[in-house]
Amino acid sequence: MHLSYQDIKQKLSSLFDELFTHEGYADMRIEMRILKRGQKEVILHCGKQYRYVVDFRPGDDSLNAGKETGSHALESIRCESRR
């Protein structure tokens, strides 16, 4: 599928609108590389984040019994939706 410069700008605008209306955190990043034969590769990185705040009391082992701890617990809470 051959995309034009305008197609990419339209997709970028659409993704921005989607992230702006998302009720949470989001991030967007653009990468561009020069390829052979007069081409460029454009990569649009786009992700939504769902962040949660939970109560925590140090030393309360009943909260951690049989559950993930450390960075793995954070990874299970952070969800990203990508297209």
PDB file of N, CA and C in Angstrom:
ATOM      1  N   MET A   1       0.846  -1.175   0.000  1.00  0.00           N
ATOM      2  CA  MET A   1       0.000   0.000   0.000  1.00  0.00           C
ATOM      3  C   MET A   1       0.894   1.241   0.000  1.00  0.00           C
ATOM      4  N   HIS A   2       0.702   2.096  -0.945  1.00  0.00           N
ATOM      5  CA  HIS A   2       1.501   3.312  -1.072  1.00  0.00           C
ATOM      6  C   HIS A   2       0.767   4.471  -0.401  1.00  0.00           C
ATOM      7  N   LEU A   3       1.415   5.092   0.579  1.00  0.00           N
ATOM      8  CA  LEU A   3       0.827   6.228   1.276  1.00  0.00           C
ATOM      9  C   LEU A   3       1.542   7.508   0.872  1.00  0.00           C
ATOM     10  N   SER A   4       0.792   8.580   0.833  1.00  0.00           N
ATOM     11  CA  SER A   4       1.380   9.877   0.507  1.00  0.00           C
ATOM     12  C   SER A   4       1.700  10.646   1.789  1.00  0.00           C
ATOM     13  N   TYR A   5       2.436  11.707   1.619  1.00  0.00           N
ATOM     14  CA  TYR A   5       2.758  12.624   2.708  1.00  0.00           C
ATOM     15  C   TYR A   5       1.476  13.094   3.405  1.00  0.00           C
ATOM     16  N   GLN A   6       0.455  13.436   2.622  1.00  0.00           N
ATOM     17  CA  GLN A   6      -0.817  13.910   3.183  1.00  0.00           C
ATOM     18  C   GLN A   6      -1.527  12.814   3.971  1.00  0.00           C
ATOM     19  N   ASP A   7      -1.440  11.557   3.513  1.00  0.00           N
ATOM     20  CA  ASP A   7      -2.048  10.440   4.243  1.00  0.00           C
ATOM     21  C   ASP A   7      -1.442  10.318   5.639  1.00  0.00           C
ATOM     22  N   ILE A   8      -0.136  10.474   5.724  1.00  0.00           N
ATOM     23  CA  ILE A   8       0.553  10.358   7.010  1.00  0.00           C
ATOM     24  C   ILE A   8       0.169  11.523   7.920  1.00  0.00           C
ATOM     25  N   LYS A   9       0.103  12.736   7.381  1.00  0.00           N
ATOM     26  CA  LYS A   9      -0.311  13.888   8.184  1.00  0.00           C
ATOM     27  C   LYS A   9      -1.739  13.718   8.690  1.00  0.00           C
ATOM     28  N   GLN A  10      -2.608  13.159   7.861  1.00  0.00           N
ATOM     29  CA  GLN A  10      -3.995  12.936   8.266  1.00  0.00           C
ATOM     30  C   GLN A  10      -4.059  11.896   9.389  1.00  0.00           C
ATOM     31  N   LYS A  11      -3.272  10.827   9.284  1.00  0.00           N
ATOM     32  CA  LYS A  11      -3.240   9.805  10.330  1.00  0.00           C
ATOM     33  C   LYS A  11      -2.690  10.382  11.629  1.00  0.00           C
ATOM     34  N   LEU A  12      -1.649  11.203  11.538  1.00  0.00           N
ATOM     35  CA  LEU A  12      -1.067  11.854  12.708  1.00  0.00           C
ATOM     36  C   LEU A  12      -2.106  12.733  13.407  1.00  0.00           C
ATOM     37  N   SER A  13      -2.845  13.497  12.634  1.00  0.00           N
ATOM     38  CA  SER A  13      -3.892  14.354  13.187  1.00  0.00           C
ATOM     39  C   SER A  13      -4.990  13.529  13.853  1.00  0.00           C
ATOM     40  N   SER A  14      -5.375  12.438  13.216  1.00  0.00           N
ATOM     41  CA  SER A  14      -6.399  11.550  13.763  1.00  0.00           C
ATOM     42  C   SER A  14      -5.950  10.928  15.085  1.00  0.00           C
ATOM     43  N   LEU A  15      -4.699  10.473  15.135  1.00  0.00           N
ATOM     44  CA  LEU A  15      -4.166   9.894  16.370  1.00  0.00           C
ATOM     45  C   LEU A  15      -4.096  10.934  17.482  1.00  0.00           C
ATOM     46  N   PHE A  16      -3.682  12.159  17.139  1.00  0.00           N
ATOM     47  CA  PHE A  16      -3.634  13.230  18.130  1.00  0.00           C
ATOM     48  C   PHE A  16      -5.021  13.475  18.713  1.00  0.00           C
ATOM     49  N   ASP A  17      -6.039  13.550  17.853  1.00  0.00           N
ATOM     50  CA  ASP A  17      -7.411  13.758  18.326  1.00  0.00           C
ATOM     51  C   ASP A  17      -7.846  12.629  19.257  1.00  0.00           C
ATOM     52  N   GLU A  18      -7.504  11.392  18.890  1.00  0.00           N
ATOM     53  CA  GLU A  18      -7.864  10.235  19.711  1.00  0.00           C
ATOM     54  C   GLU A  18      -7.199  10.305  21.084  1.00  0.00           C
ATOM     55  N   LEU A  19      -5.928  10.650  21.116  1.00  0.00           N
ATOM     56  CA  LEU A  19      -5.218  10.746  22.392  1.00  0.00           C
ATOM     57  C   LEU A  19      -5.709  11.931  23.219  1.00  0.00           C
ATOM     58  N   PHE A  20      -6.030  13.026  22.567  1.00  0.00           N
ATOM     59  CA  PHE A  20      -6.486  14.215  23.278  1.00  0.00           C
ATOM     60  C   PHE A  20      -7.810  13.961  23.987  1.00  0.00           C
ATOM     61  N   THR A  21      -8.691  13.178  23.376  1.00  0.00           N
ATOM     62  CA  THR A  21      -9.999  12.900  23.976  1.00  0.00           C
ATOM     63  C   THR A  21      -9.959  11.726  24.952  1.00  0.00           C
ATOM     64  N   HIS A  22      -8.839  11.009  25.023  1.00  0.00           N
ATOM     65  CA  HIS A  22      -8.689   9.893  25.957  1.00  0.00           C
ATOM     66  C   HIS A  22      -8.700  10.423  27.385  1.00  0.00           C
ATOM     67  N   GLU A  23      -9.477   9.794  28.262  1.00  0.00           N
ATOM     68  CA  GLU A  23      -9.561  10.232  29.656  1.00  0.00           C
ATOM     69  C   GLU A  23      -8.456   9.580  30.470  1.00  0.00           C
ATOM     70  N   GLY A  24      -7.252   9.908  30.167  1.00  0.00           N
ATOM     71  CA  GLY A  24      -6.099   9.355  30.864  1.00  0.00           C
ATOM     72  C   GLY A  24      -4.832   9.913  30.246  1.00  0.00           C
ATOM     73  N   TYR A  25      -3.731   9.299  30.592  1.00  0.00           N
ATOM     74  CA  TYR A  25      -2.435   9.710  30.050  1.00  0.00           C
ATOM     75  C   TYR A  25      -2.230   9.087  28.676  1.00  0.00           C
ATOM     76  N   ALA A  26      -1.429   9.736  27.869  1.00  0.00           N
ATOM     77  CA  ALA A  26      -1.130   9.206  26.543  1.00  0.00           C
ATOM     78  C   ALA A  26       0.228   9.738  26.097  1.00  0.00           C
ATOM     79  N   ASP A  27       0.803   9.047  25.120  1.00  0.00           N
ATOM     80  CA  ASP A  27       2.066   9.528  24.574  1.00  0.00           C
ATOM     81  C   ASP A  27       2.104   9.282  23.079  1.00  0.00           C
ATOM     82  N   MET A  28       2.870  10.146  22.404  1.00  0.00           N
ATOM     83  CA  MET A  28       3.025  10.033  20.958  1.00  0.00           C
ATOM     84  C   MET A  28       4.467  10.408  20.613  1.00  0.00           C
ATOM     85  N   ARG A  29       5.017   9.656  19.668  1.00  0.00           N
ATOM     86  CA  ARG A  29       6.394   9.911  19.234  1.00  0.00           C
ATOM     87  C   ARG A  29       6.480   9.604  17.744  1.00  0.00           C
ATOM     88  N   ILE A  30       7.326  10.340  17.045  1.00  0.00           N
ATOM     89  CA  ILE A  30       7.501  10.146  15.604  1.00  0.00           C
ATOM     90  C   ILE A  30       8.966   9.851  15.321  1.00  0.00           C
ATOM     91  N   GLU A  31       9.206   8.823  14.524  1.00  0.00           N
ATOM     92  CA  GLU A  31      10.559   8.492  14.057  1.00  0.00           C
ATOM     93  C   GLU A  31      10.576   8.597  12.542  1.00  0.00           C
ATOM     94  N   MET A  32      11.674   9.092  11.999  1.00  0.00           N
ATOM     95  CA  MET A  32      11.846   9.139  10.545  1.00  0.00           C
ATOM     96  C   MET A  32      13.253   8.691  10.200  1.00  0.00           C
ATOM     97  N   ARG A  33      13.329   7.859   9.166  1.00  0.00           N
ATOM     98  CA  ARG A  33      14.626   7.381   8.671  1.00  0.00           C
ATOM     99  C   ARG A  33      14.669   7.544   7.165  1.00  0.00           C
ATOM    100  N   ILE A  34      15.839   7.901   6.675  1.00  0.00           N
ATOM    101  CA  ILE A  34      16.038   7.977   5.228  1.00  0.00           C
ATOM    102  C   ILE A  34      16.376   6.578   4.731  1.00  0.00           C
ATOM    103  N   LEU A  35      15.654   6.139   3.716  1.00  0.00           N
ATOM    104  CA  LEU A  35      15.890   4.832   3.106  1.00  0.00           C
ATOM    105  C   LEU A  35      16.532   5.023   1.741  1.00  0.00           C
ATOM    106  N   LYS A  36      16.903   3.926   1.148  1.00  0.00           N
ATOM    107  CA  LYS A  36      17.454   3.985  -0.212  1.00  0.00           C
ATOM    108  C   LYS A  36      16.337   4.298  -1.202  1.00  0.00           C
ATOM    109  N   ARG A  37      16.697   4.656  -2.386  1.00  0.00           N
ATOM    110  CA  ARG A  37      15.776   4.940  -3.491  1.00  0.00           C
ATOM    111  C   ARG A  37      14.850   6.124  -3.227  1.00  0.00           C
ATOM    112  N   GLY A  38      15.345   7.132  -2.494  1.00  0.00           N
ATOM    113  CA  GLY A  38      14.560   8.347  -2.292  1.00  0.00           C
ATOM    114  C   GLY A  38      13.321   8.171  -1.439  1.00  0.00           C
ATOM    115  N   GLN A  39      13.356   7.272  -0.482  1.00  0.00           N
ATOM    116  CA  GLN A  39      12.206   7.031   0.384  1.00  0.00           C
ATOM    117  C   GLN A  39      12.542   7.381   1.825  1.00  0.00           C
ATOM    118  N   LYS A  40      11.498   7.607   2.619  1.00  0.00           N
ATOM    119  CA  LYS A  40      11.631   7.796   4.060  1.00  0.00           C
ATOM    120  C   LYS A  40      10.673   6.842   4.747  1.00  0.00           C
ATOM    121  N   GLU A  41      11.127   6.318   5.871  1.00  0.00           N
ATOM    122  CA  GLU A  41      10.253   5.507   6.720  1.00  0.00           C
ATOM    123  C   GLU A  41       9.774   6.409   7.849  1.00  0.00           C
ATOM    124  N   VAL A  42       8.464   6.463   8.061  1.00  0.00           N
ATOM    125  CA  VAL A  42       7.874   7.260   9.129  1.00  0.00           C
ATOM    126  C   VAL A  42       7.154   6.304  10.068  1.00  0.00           C
ATOM    127  N   ILE A  43       7.538   6.334  11.339  1.00  0.00           N
ATOM    128  CA  ILE A  43       6.924   5.464  12.340  1.00  0.00           C
ATOM    129  C   ILE A  43       6.223   6.348  13.360  1.00  0.00           C
ATOM    130  N   LEU A  44       4.920   6.138  13.526  1.00  0.00           N
ATOM    131  CA  LEU A  44       4.138   6.869  14.517  1.00  0.00           C
ATOM    132  C   LEU A  44       3.923   5.949  15.714  1.00  0.00           C
ATOM    133  N   HIS A  45       4.506   6.298  16.834  1.00  0.00           N
ATOM    134  CA  HIS A  45       4.308   5.542  18.073  1.00  0.00           C
ATOM    135  C   HIS A  45       3.190   6.241  18.844  1.00  0.00           C
ATOM    136  N   CYS A  46       2.192   5.485  19.216  1.00  0.00           N
ATOM    137  CA  CYS A  46       1.031   6.078  19.857  1.00  0.00           C
ATOM    138  C   CYS A  46       0.531   5.128  20.933  1.00  0.00           C
ATOM    139  N   GLY A  47       0.390   5.601  22.149  1.00  0.00           N
ATOM    140  CA  GLY A  47      -0.082   4.727  23.216  1.00  0.00           C
ATOM    141  C   GLY A  47      -0.931   5.456  24.233  1.00  0.00           C
ATOM    142  N   LYS A  48      -1.906   4.737  24.742  1.00  0.00           N
ATOM    143  CA  LYS A  48      -2.737   5.243  25.828  1.00  0.00           C
ATOM    144  C   LYS A  48      -2.265   4.569  27.106  1.00  0.00           C
ATOM    145  N   GLN A  49      -2.407   5.259  28.201  1.00  0.00           N
ATOM    146  CA  GLN A  49      -2.038   4.684  29.485  1.00  0.00           C
ATOM    147  C   GLN A  49      -3.224   4.800  30.426  1.00  0.00           C
ATOM    148  N   TYR A  50      -3.433   3.765  31.194  1.00  0.00           N
ATOM    149  CA  TYR A  50      -4.453   3.761  32.224  1.00  0.00           C
ATOM    150  C   TYR A  50      -3.718   3.636  33.549  1.00  0.00           C
ATOM    151  N   ARG A  51      -3.736   4.682  34.349  1.00  0.00           N
ATOM    152  CA  ARG A  51      -2.992   4.688  35.608  1.00  0.00           C
ATOM    153  C   ARG A  51      -3.974   4.618  36.762  1.00  0.00           C
ATOM    154  N   TYR A  52      -3.606   3.866  37.784  1.00  0.00           N
ATOM    155  CA  TYR A  52      -4.452   3.679  38.949  1.00  0.00           C
ATOM    156  C   TYR A  52      -3.669   4.021  40.204  1.00  0.00           C
ATOM    157  N   VAL A  53      -4.353   4.569  41.188  1.00  0.00           N
ATOM    158  CA  VAL A  53      -3.759   4.846  42.490  1.00  0.00           C
ATOM    159  C   VAL A  53      -4.472   3.954  43.493  1.00  0.00           C
ATOM    160  N   VAL A  54      -3.703   3.204  44.264  1.00  0.00           N
ATOM    161  CA  VAL A  54      -4.276   2.307  45.269  1.00  0.00           C
ATOM    162  C   VAL A  54      -3.665   2.633  46.621  1.00  0.00           C
ATOM    163  N   ASP A  55      -4.416   2.376  47.680  1.00  0.00           N
ATOM    164  CA  ASP A  55      -3.904   2.568  49.031  1.00  0.00           C
ATOM    165  C   ASP A  55      -2.893   1.482  49.339  1.00  0.00           C
ATOM    166  N   PHE A  56      -1.861   1.843  50.099  1.00  0.00           N
ATOM    167  CA  PHE A  56      -0.805   0.897  50.428  1.00  0.00           C
ATOM    168  C   PHE A  56      -0.290   1.203  51.827  1.00  0.00           C
ATOM    169  N   ARG A  57      -0.152   0.141  52.640  1.00  0.00           N
ATOM    170  CA  ARG A  57       0.430   0.287  53.972  1.00  0.00           C
ATOM    171  C   ARG A  57       1.628  -0.634  54.054  1.00  0.00           C
ATOM    172  N   PRO A  58       2.823  -0.093  54.240  1.00  0.00           N
ATOM    173  CA  PRO A  58       4.016  -0.939  54.362  1.00  0.00           C
ATOM    174  C   PRO A  58       3.860  -1.935  55.504  1.00  0.00           C
ATOM    175  N   GLY A  59       4.298  -3.160  55.258  1.00  0.00           N
ATOM    176  CA  GLY A  59       4.243  -4.194  56.283  1.00  0.00           C
ATOM    177  C   GLY A  59       2.937  -4.959  56.327  1.00  0.00           C
ATOM    178  N   ASP A  60       1.946  -4.568  55.545  1.00  0.00           N
ATOM    179  CA  ASP A  60       0.672  -5.291  55.522  1.00  0.00           C
ATOM    180  C   ASP A  60       0.795  -6.449  54.542  1.00  0.00           C
ATOM    181  N   ASP A  61       1.223  -7.618  55.050  1.00  0.00           N
ATOM    182  CA  ASP A  61       1.465  -8.778  54.192  1.00  0.00           C
ATOM    183  C   ASP A  61       0.192  -9.359  53.594  1.00  0.00           C
ATOM    184  N   SER A  62      -0.957  -9.058  54.167  1.00  0.00           N
ATOM    185  CA  SER A  62      -2.200  -9.605  53.613  1.00  0.00           C
ATOM    186  C   SER A  62      -2.472  -9.057  52.213  1.00  0.00           C
ATOM    187  N   LEU A  63      -1.935  -7.872  51.919  1.00  0.00           N
ATOM    188  CA  LEU A  63      -2.130  -7.298  50.583  1.00  0.00           C
ATOM    189  C   LEU A  63      -1.276  -7.995  49.538  1.00  0.00           C
ATOM    190  N   ASN A  64      -0.128  -8.530  49.952  1.00  0.00           N
ATOM    191  CA  ASN A  64       0.813  -9.122  49.011  1.00  0.00           C
ATOM    192  C   ASN A  64       0.714 -10.636  48.918  1.00  0.00           C
ATOM    193  N   ALA A  65      -0.088 -11.265  49.740  1.00  0.00           N
ATOM    194  CA  ALA A  65      -0.164 -12.728  49.749  1.00  0.00           C
ATOM    195  C   ALA A  65      -0.650 -13.248  48.403  1.00  0.00           C
ATOM    196  N   GLY A  66       0.227 -13.994  47.727  1.00  0.00           N
ATOM    197  CA  GLY A  66      -0.146 -14.607  46.454  1.00  0.00           C
ATOM    198  C   GLY A  66      -0.265 -13.639  45.300  1.00  0.00           C
ATOM    199  N   LYS A  67       0.220 -12.442  45.472  1.00  0.00           N
ATOM    200  CA  LYS A  67       0.115 -11.451  44.403  1.00  0.00           C
ATOM    201  C   LYS A  67       1.492 -11.040  43.931  1.00  0.00           C
ATOM    202  N   GLU A  68       1.533 -10.435  42.751  1.00  0.00           N
ATOM    203  CA  GLU A  68       2.795  -9.960  42.186  1.00  0.00           C
ATOM    204  C   GLU A  68       3.316  -8.789  43.004  1.00  0.00           C
ATOM    205  N   THR A  69       4.635  -8.673  43.052  1.00  0.00           N
ATOM    206  CA  THR A  69       5.246  -7.543  43.746  1.00  0.00           C
ATOM    207  C   THR A  69       6.300  -6.914  42.853  1.00  0.00           C
ATOM    208  N   GLY A  70       6.772  -5.769  43.257  1.00  0.00           N
ATOM    209  CA  GLY A  70       7.854  -5.110  42.531  1.00  0.00           C
ATOM    210  C   GLY A  70       7.429  -4.600  41.175  1.00  0.00           C
ATOM    211  N   SER A  71       8.385  -4.582  40.250  1.00  0.00           N
ATOM    212  CA  SER A  71       8.135  -3.999  38.930  1.00  0.00           C
ATOM    213  C   SER A  71       7.104  -4.793  38.143  1.00  0.00           C
ATOM    214  N   HIS A  72       6.992  -6.102  38.398  1.00  0.00           N
ATOM    215  CA  HIS A  72       5.995  -6.900  37.677  1.00  0.00           C
ATOM    216  C   HIS A  72       4.583  -6.443  38.025  1.00  0.00           C
ATOM    217  N   ALA A  73       4.374  -6.041  39.276  1.00  0.00           N
ATOM    218  CA  ALA A  73       3.060  -5.548  39.670  1.00  0.00           C
ATOM    219  C   ALA A  73       2.737  -4.259  38.926  1.00  0.00           C
ATOM    220  N   LEU A  74       3.717  -3.382  38.773  1.00  0.00           N
ATOM    221  CA  LEU A  74       3.483  -2.142  38.043  1.00  0.00           C
ATOM    222  C   LEU A  74       3.174  -2.417  36.582  1.00  0.00           C
ATOM    223  N   GLU A  75       3.866  -3.379  35.996  1.00  0.00           N
ATOM    224  CA  GLU A  75       3.617  -3.711  34.597  1.00  0.00           C
ATOM    225  C   GLU A  75       2.212  -4.249  34.405  1.00  0.00           C
ATOM    226  N   SER A  76       1.694  -4.982  35.385  1.00  0.00           N
ATOM    227  CA  SER A  76       0.355  -5.542  35.233  1.00  0.00           C
ATOM    228  C   SER A  76      -0.712  -4.461  35.350  1.00  0.00           C
ATOM    229  N   ILE A  77      -0.396  -3.367  36.035  1.00  0.00           N
ATOM    230  CA  ILE A  77      -1.359  -2.282  36.182  1.00  0.00           C
ATOM    231  C   ILE A  77      -1.342  -1.371  34.962  1.00  0.00           C
ATOM    232  N   ARG A  78      -0.174  -1.151  34.380  1.00  0.00           N
ATOM    233  CA  ARG A  78      -0.058  -0.243  33.238  1.00  0.00           C
ATOM    234  C   ARG A  78      -0.496  -0.960  31.973  1.00  0.00           C
ATOM    235  N   CYS A  79      -1.482  -0.415  31.319  1.00  0.00           N
ATOM    236  CA  CYS A  79      -1.986  -0.997  30.076  1.00  0.00           C
ATOM    237  C   CYS A  79      -1.781   0.020  28.968  1.00  0.00           C
ATOM    238  N   GLU A  80      -1.364  -0.451  27.828  1.00  0.00           N
ATOM    239  CA  GLU A  80      -1.231   0.433  26.676  1.00  0.00           C
ATOM    240  C   GLU A  80      -2.067  -0.119  25.539  1.00  0.00           C
ATOM    241  N   SER A  81      -2.793   0.750  24.908  1.00  0.00           N
ATOM    242  CA  SER A  81      -3.577   0.372  23.743  1.00  0.00           C
ATOM    243  C   SER A  81      -2.877   0.934  22.526  1.00  0.00           C
ATOM    244  N   ARG A  82      -2.459   0.064  21.619  1.00  0.00           N
ATOM    245  CA  ARG A  82      -1.746   0.518  20.417  1.00  0.00           C
ATOM    246  C   ARG A  82      -2.450   0.021  19.182  1.00  0.00           C
ATOM    247  N   ARG A  83      -2.314   0.798  18.137  1.00  0.00           N
ATOM    248  CA  ARG A  83      -2.891   0.398  16.850  1.00  0.00           C
ATOM    249  C   ARG A  83      -1.799   0.158  15.877  1.00  0.00           C
TER     250      ARG A  83
END
